[in-house]
Protein backbone atom coordinates (compact mmCIF):
# COMPACT_ATOMS: atom_id res chain seq x y z
CA UNK A 1 -20.30 10.59 -91.59
CA UNK A 2 -23.96 10.20 -90.50
CA UNK A 3 -26.24 10.75 -87.79
CA UNK A 4 -26.95 7.76 -85.58
CA UNK A 5 -29.82 5.28 -86.60
CA UNK A 6 -31.02 2.38 -84.75
CA UNK A 7 -28.70 -0.31 -86.66
CA UNK A 8 -25.00 -0.70 -87.21
CA UNK A 9 -22.61 -3.52 -88.05
CA UNK A 10 -18.99 -4.31 -87.00
CA UNK A 11 -17.94 -1.97 -89.68
CA UNK A 12 -19.75 0.96 -88.30
CA UNK A 13 -19.22 2.70 -84.87
CA UNK A 14 -21.10 5.38 -82.96
CA UNK A 15 -18.33 8.13 -82.37
CA UNK A 16 -18.70 10.84 -79.69
CA UNK A 17 -15.79 12.70 -80.88
CA UNK A 18 -12.33 12.55 -82.55
CA UNK A 19 -9.06 14.55 -81.34
CA UNK A 20 -6.40 14.45 -83.92
CA UNK A 21 -3.61 15.23 -81.88
CA UNK A 22 -2.91 14.37 -78.30
CA UNK A 23 0.39 13.67 -76.22
CA UNK A 24 -1.27 12.18 -73.21
CA UNK A 25 -3.37 9.15 -74.43
CA UNK A 26 -0.30 6.90 -75.35
CA UNK A 27 3.29 7.25 -76.61
CA UNK A 28 3.95 10.05 -79.25
CA UNK A 29 1.26 12.13 -80.92
CA UNK A 30 -1.78 10.24 -81.12
CA UNK A 31 -5.41 10.54 -82.95
CA UNK A 32 -7.82 9.92 -80.23
CA UNK A 33 -11.36 8.39 -81.17
CA UNK A 34 -13.82 8.53 -78.38
CA UNK A 35 -16.53 5.89 -79.02
CA UNK A 36 -20.23 6.28 -77.66
CA UNK A 37 -21.42 4.15 -74.78
CA UNK A 38 -20.51 3.01 -71.16
CA UNK A 39 -21.39 0.06 -69.16
CA UNK A 40 -20.17 2.06 -65.76
CA UNK A 41 -21.63 5.20 -64.10
CA UNK A 42 -18.44 6.35 -62.46
CA UNK A 43 -19.13 9.17 -59.87
CA UNK A 44 -16.42 11.24 -61.18
CA UNK A 45 -16.61 10.75 -64.83
CA UNK A 46 -16.00 14.21 -66.69
CA UNK A 47 -17.89 13.02 -69.86
CA UNK A 48 -21.31 11.48 -68.89
CA UNK A 49 -22.61 12.55 -72.29
CA UNK A 50 -20.83 9.35 -73.70
CA UNK A 51 -22.69 7.02 -71.22
CA UNK A 52 -25.89 6.34 -73.43
CA UNK A 53 -24.91 3.48 -75.89
CA UNK A 54 -27.51 4.76 -78.36
CA UNK A 55 -26.04 8.41 -78.69
CA UNK A 56 -29.55 9.94 -78.39
CA UNK A 57 -28.62 11.89 -75.20
CA UNK A 58 -25.34 13.27 -77.09
CA UNK A 59 -26.04 15.64 -80.05
CA UNK A 60 -22.45 15.60 -81.25
CA UNK A 61 -22.62 11.49 -81.78
CA UNK A 62 -22.44 10.24 -85.16
CA UNK A 63 -22.21 6.97 -86.88
CA UNK A 64 -18.97 6.41 -88.81
CA UNK A 65 -18.18 3.61 -90.89
CA UNK A 66 -14.60 1.88 -90.81
CA UNK A 67 -13.64 3.52 -94.28
CA UNK A 68 -14.73 6.76 -93.29
CA UNK A 69 -12.72 6.47 -90.08
CA UNK A 70 -9.67 5.37 -92.09
CA UNK A 71 -9.98 8.26 -94.42
CA UNK A 72 -10.15 10.68 -91.38
CA UNK A 73 -6.94 8.85 -89.98
CA UNK A 74 -5.18 9.24 -93.36
CA UNK A 75 -5.38 12.86 -93.05
CA UNK A 76 -3.00 12.79 -90.11
CA UNK A 77 -1.29 9.58 -90.82
CA UNK A 78 2.34 11.26 -91.37
CA UNK A 79 2.08 13.19 -87.97
CA UNK A 80 0.85 10.47 -85.67
CA UNK A 81 2.41 7.57 -83.78
CA UNK A 82 -0.92 5.92 -83.56
CA UNK A 83 -4.44 5.71 -82.66
CA UNK A 84 -6.10 5.52 -79.01
CA UNK A 85 -9.78 4.37 -78.69
CA UNK A 86 -11.26 5.85 -75.57
CA UNK A 87 -14.77 6.75 -74.69
CA UNK A 88 -17.06 5.99 -72.94
CA UNK A 89 -16.13 2.53 -72.88
CA UNK A 90 -14.54 1.71 -76.27
CA UNK A 91 -14.85 -2.12 -75.84
CA UNK A 92 -18.71 -1.93 -75.69
CA UNK A 93 -17.94 -1.64 -79.65
CA UNK A 94 -15.17 -4.28 -79.73
CA UNK A 95 -16.23 -5.67 -83.00
CA UNK A 96 -15.62 -2.21 -84.82
CA UNK A 97 -12.42 -1.81 -82.87
CA UNK A 98 -11.07 -5.41 -83.75
CA UNK A 99 -12.08 -4.86 -87.65
CA UNK A 100 -10.71 -1.51 -87.78
CA UNK A 101 -7.46 -2.41 -86.16
CA UNK A 102 -7.29 -5.51 -88.52
CA UNK A 103 -7.23 -3.10 -91.61
CA UNK A 104 -5.39 -0.23 -90.16
CA UNK A 105 -2.45 -2.56 -89.01
CA UNK A 106 -2.09 -4.07 -92.41
CA UNK A 107 -1.74 -0.70 -93.92
CA UNK A 108 0.45 0.85 -91.05
CA UNK A 109 2.17 -1.76 -89.41
CA UNK A 110 4.56 0.84 -87.65
CA UNK A 111 1.83 2.63 -85.89
CA UNK A 112 0.32 1.53 -82.58
CA UNK A 113 -3.36 1.06 -81.63
CA UNK A 114 -4.06 1.49 -77.70
CA UNK A 115 -7.49 1.09 -76.08
CA UNK A 116 -8.28 2.96 -72.94
CA UNK A 117 -10.68 0.79 -71.18
CA UNK A 118 -12.06 0.01 -67.71
CA UNK A 119 -11.63 -3.52 -68.62
CA UNK A 120 -14.82 -4.39 -66.76
CA UNK A 121 -15.81 -6.75 -69.71
CA UNK A 122 -15.67 -10.36 -70.57
CA UNK A 123 -12.29 -11.59 -71.00
CA UNK A 124 -12.94 -13.22 -74.30
CA UNK A 125 -13.26 -9.53 -75.70
CA UNK A 126 -9.91 -8.53 -74.58
CA UNK A 127 -8.60 -11.62 -75.89
CA UNK A 128 -10.34 -11.06 -79.36
CA UNK A 129 -9.29 -7.34 -79.72
CA UNK A 130 -5.70 -7.98 -78.39
CA UNK A 131 -4.93 -9.80 -81.75
CA UNK A 132 -4.77 -6.43 -83.44
CA UNK A 133 -4.30 -4.01 -80.59
CA UNK A 134 -1.07 -3.37 -79.32
CA UNK A 135 -1.96 -2.12 -75.66
CA UNK A 136 -4.56 -1.17 -73.21
CA UNK A 137 -4.45 1.23 -70.46
CA UNK A 138 -6.70 0.01 -67.58
CA UNK A 139 -7.41 1.87 -64.55
CA UNK A 140 -8.14 0.53 -61.08
CA UNK A 141 -10.86 2.76 -60.23
CA UNK A 142 -11.03 1.45 -56.33
CA UNK A 143 -9.02 -1.51 -54.75
CA UNK A 144 -12.07 -3.49 -53.17
CA UNK A 145 -15.44 -4.69 -54.28
CA UNK A 146 -17.46 -2.44 -51.85
CA UNK A 147 -15.63 0.72 -52.88
CA UNK A 148 -15.63 -0.39 -56.68
CA UNK A 149 -19.16 -0.65 -56.88
CA UNK A 150 -19.64 2.60 -55.14
CA UNK A 151 -17.31 4.41 -57.62
CA UNK A 152 -19.05 2.84 -60.68
CA UNK A 153 -22.35 3.46 -59.70
CA UNK A 154 -23.23 0.09 -58.52
CA UNK A 155 -22.47 -1.81 -61.67
CA UNK A 156 -18.81 -2.53 -61.61
CA UNK A 157 -17.89 -6.14 -61.45
CA UNK A 158 -14.48 -6.05 -59.33
CA UNK A 159 -13.49 -9.65 -59.79
CA UNK A 160 -13.88 -9.43 -63.40
CA UNK A 161 -11.77 -6.14 -63.55
CA UNK A 162 -9.15 -7.92 -61.43
CA UNK A 163 -9.05 -10.89 -63.56
CA UNK A 164 -8.77 -9.07 -66.88
CA UNK A 165 -5.90 -6.78 -65.28
CA UNK A 166 -3.80 -9.85 -64.67
CA UNK A 167 -4.79 -11.38 -68.09
CA UNK A 168 -3.42 -8.29 -70.00
CA UNK A 169 -0.37 -8.36 -67.83
CA UNK A 170 0.27 -11.92 -68.79
CA UNK A 171 0.08 -11.07 -72.48
CA UNK A 172 2.20 -7.85 -72.17
CA UNK A 173 -0.55 -5.91 -73.51
CA UNK A 174 -0.54 -3.11 -70.86
CA UNK A 175 0.94 0.29 -71.53
CA UNK A 176 -0.03 1.71 -68.31
CA UNK A 177 -2.33 1.44 -65.27
CA UNK A 178 -4.05 4.50 -64.03
CA UNK A 179 -4.97 5.19 -60.37
CA UNK A 180 -7.65 7.92 -59.97
CA UNK A 181 -7.35 9.85 -56.81
CA UNK A 182 -10.94 10.97 -55.97
CA UNK A 183 -11.67 13.13 -52.86
CA UNK A 184 -12.94 11.39 -49.80
CA UNK A 185 -13.18 8.08 -51.67
CA UNK A 186 -9.69 6.90 -53.05
CA UNK A 187 -7.48 9.37 -51.39
CA UNK A 188 -6.52 7.63 -48.11
CA UNK A 189 -3.51 5.68 -47.18
CA UNK A 190 -5.65 2.81 -46.62
CA UNK A 191 -6.89 2.78 -50.23
CA UNK A 192 -3.02 3.45 -51.34
CA UNK A 193 -2.07 0.28 -49.47
CA UNK A 194 -4.99 -1.90 -51.00
CA UNK A 195 -3.77 -0.45 -54.63
CA UNK A 196 -0.07 -1.50 -53.96
CA UNK A 197 -1.09 -4.94 -52.89
CA UNK A 198 -3.39 -5.49 -56.11
CA UNK A 199 -0.41 -4.31 -58.35
CA UNK A 200 2.08 -6.49 -56.47
CA UNK A 201 -0.25 -9.53 -56.99
CA UNK A 202 -1.35 -8.96 -60.41
CA UNK A 203 1.12 -7.00 -62.44
CA UNK A 204 4.92 -6.73 -62.88
CA UNK A 205 6.98 -4.05 -60.89
CA UNK A 206 8.02 -2.43 -64.16
CA UNK A 207 4.87 -1.44 -65.07
CA UNK A 208 4.04 2.20 -66.01
CA UNK A 209 1.54 3.92 -63.50
CA UNK A 210 -0.27 7.15 -64.10
CA UNK A 211 -1.70 9.04 -61.16
CA UNK A 212 -4.80 10.71 -62.20
CA UNK A 213 -5.91 13.62 -59.83
CA UNK A 214 -9.58 14.32 -59.98
CA UNK A 215 -10.57 17.57 -61.35
CA UNK A 216 -14.36 18.68 -61.11
CA UNK A 217 -14.73 20.10 -64.60
CA UNK A 218 -17.84 18.26 -66.17
CA UNK A 219 -18.47 16.03 -63.32
CA UNK A 220 -22.34 15.75 -62.75
CA UNK A 221 -22.02 14.38 -59.34
CA UNK A 222 -23.15 17.33 -57.15
CA UNK A 223 -21.16 15.85 -54.01
CA UNK A 224 -17.82 16.02 -56.06
CA UNK A 225 -18.31 19.34 -57.87
CA UNK A 226 -16.43 21.42 -55.36
CA UNK A 227 -13.79 18.79 -53.88
CA UNK A 228 -10.29 18.98 -54.76
CA UNK A 229 -7.11 16.85 -53.88
CA UNK A 230 -4.16 17.99 -52.02
CA UNK A 231 -0.89 17.87 -53.67
CA UNK A 232 0.38 16.32 -50.66
CA UNK A 233 -1.91 13.48 -50.81
CA UNK A 234 -0.37 12.70 -54.51
CA UNK A 235 3.15 12.80 -53.27
CA UNK A 236 2.36 10.34 -50.49
CA UNK A 237 0.89 7.91 -52.93
CA UNK A 238 3.98 8.45 -55.32
CA UNK A 239 6.27 7.80 -52.37
CA UNK A 240 4.39 4.66 -51.03
CA UNK A 241 4.40 3.31 -54.74
CA UNK A 242 8.39 3.84 -54.94
CA UNK A 243 8.97 2.36 -51.51
CA UNK A 244 7.19 -0.81 -52.71
CA UNK A 245 9.47 -1.15 -55.94
CA UNK A 246 7.12 0.68 -58.57
CA UNK A 247 9.13 3.49 -59.95
CA UNK A 248 7.66 4.01 -63.61
CA UNK A 249 5.43 6.50 -62.18
CA UNK A 250 3.84 9.38 -64.36
CA UNK A 251 1.95 12.38 -62.87
CA UNK A 252 1.33 15.51 -64.84
CA UNK A 253 -0.16 17.42 -62.03
C-alpha cells in the first residue's frame, strides 16, 4: 500500500481506513473499507476527514490497488460474511468498486458485498455497480428538498436521491434504509410524517429500517457539538413507523 499521488485507475482506490471486523455494517461479521472522498458536506458528519477526494487532508489516506485489497481481505476471508464499502461516499470511486467486486465475487460467490451510500449520484452508476454488488444501505438524510440541502451543506440533490431510492427498491438491492435523527433538524413529528410518506411511496413495507440517533463525537459543526436526541423522540418515530405498517426496524440505542 502506498501514499496517495495524483493519478489512479479503476484498479486503484484511495482508502481512508479498513476495519477488519464489524457487526453493524451489514449482515454477519464484515470487513469494512472506508473510501476517501464525499460529494456532500453533511452537518452531522462524524468523519469529515474523509470529505477531501484527493486525500491530502487525511494523513491516514493511502492508495490501494485491487490486488493489494484482495490480499488484505484474504487474511480474514474465513471469518467474515462479506465486505462493506463505506466512506466518505464510496461511489465517487465506483469504477474501483465495480472491478473489485467483479473479481471478489468470482473468487468468493458466497460472500456478500454492500455499499453504504448516500445514493446522491447518477443512476447509471448504481446500475453499473449493482451488477456485482449485492446490496446498498442508503439513508434518507431529510425528507424534503429544502431540509435536505441544509443537512447536506447545500450540495445535495433531493430529487436524484429519491429517484435512486425507488430504483434500488425496484431492483431488490436495498439491505436497509437509514433514518438519521438530528437534533433540531430531523427530530420532529412533521419530519417523521414526511419520512413515512416517502417510504410508503418509494419502497416496500418490508424494507429494513435503521434508526440512527445523532451522536456528537467527531462532529465539526459547532452548533451540534453539545446537542443530543431524547430517547422518547426515537420511540415516537418507531411507534409512528409501526402504525404505518413498517415493522422491520432496527435501533441500537
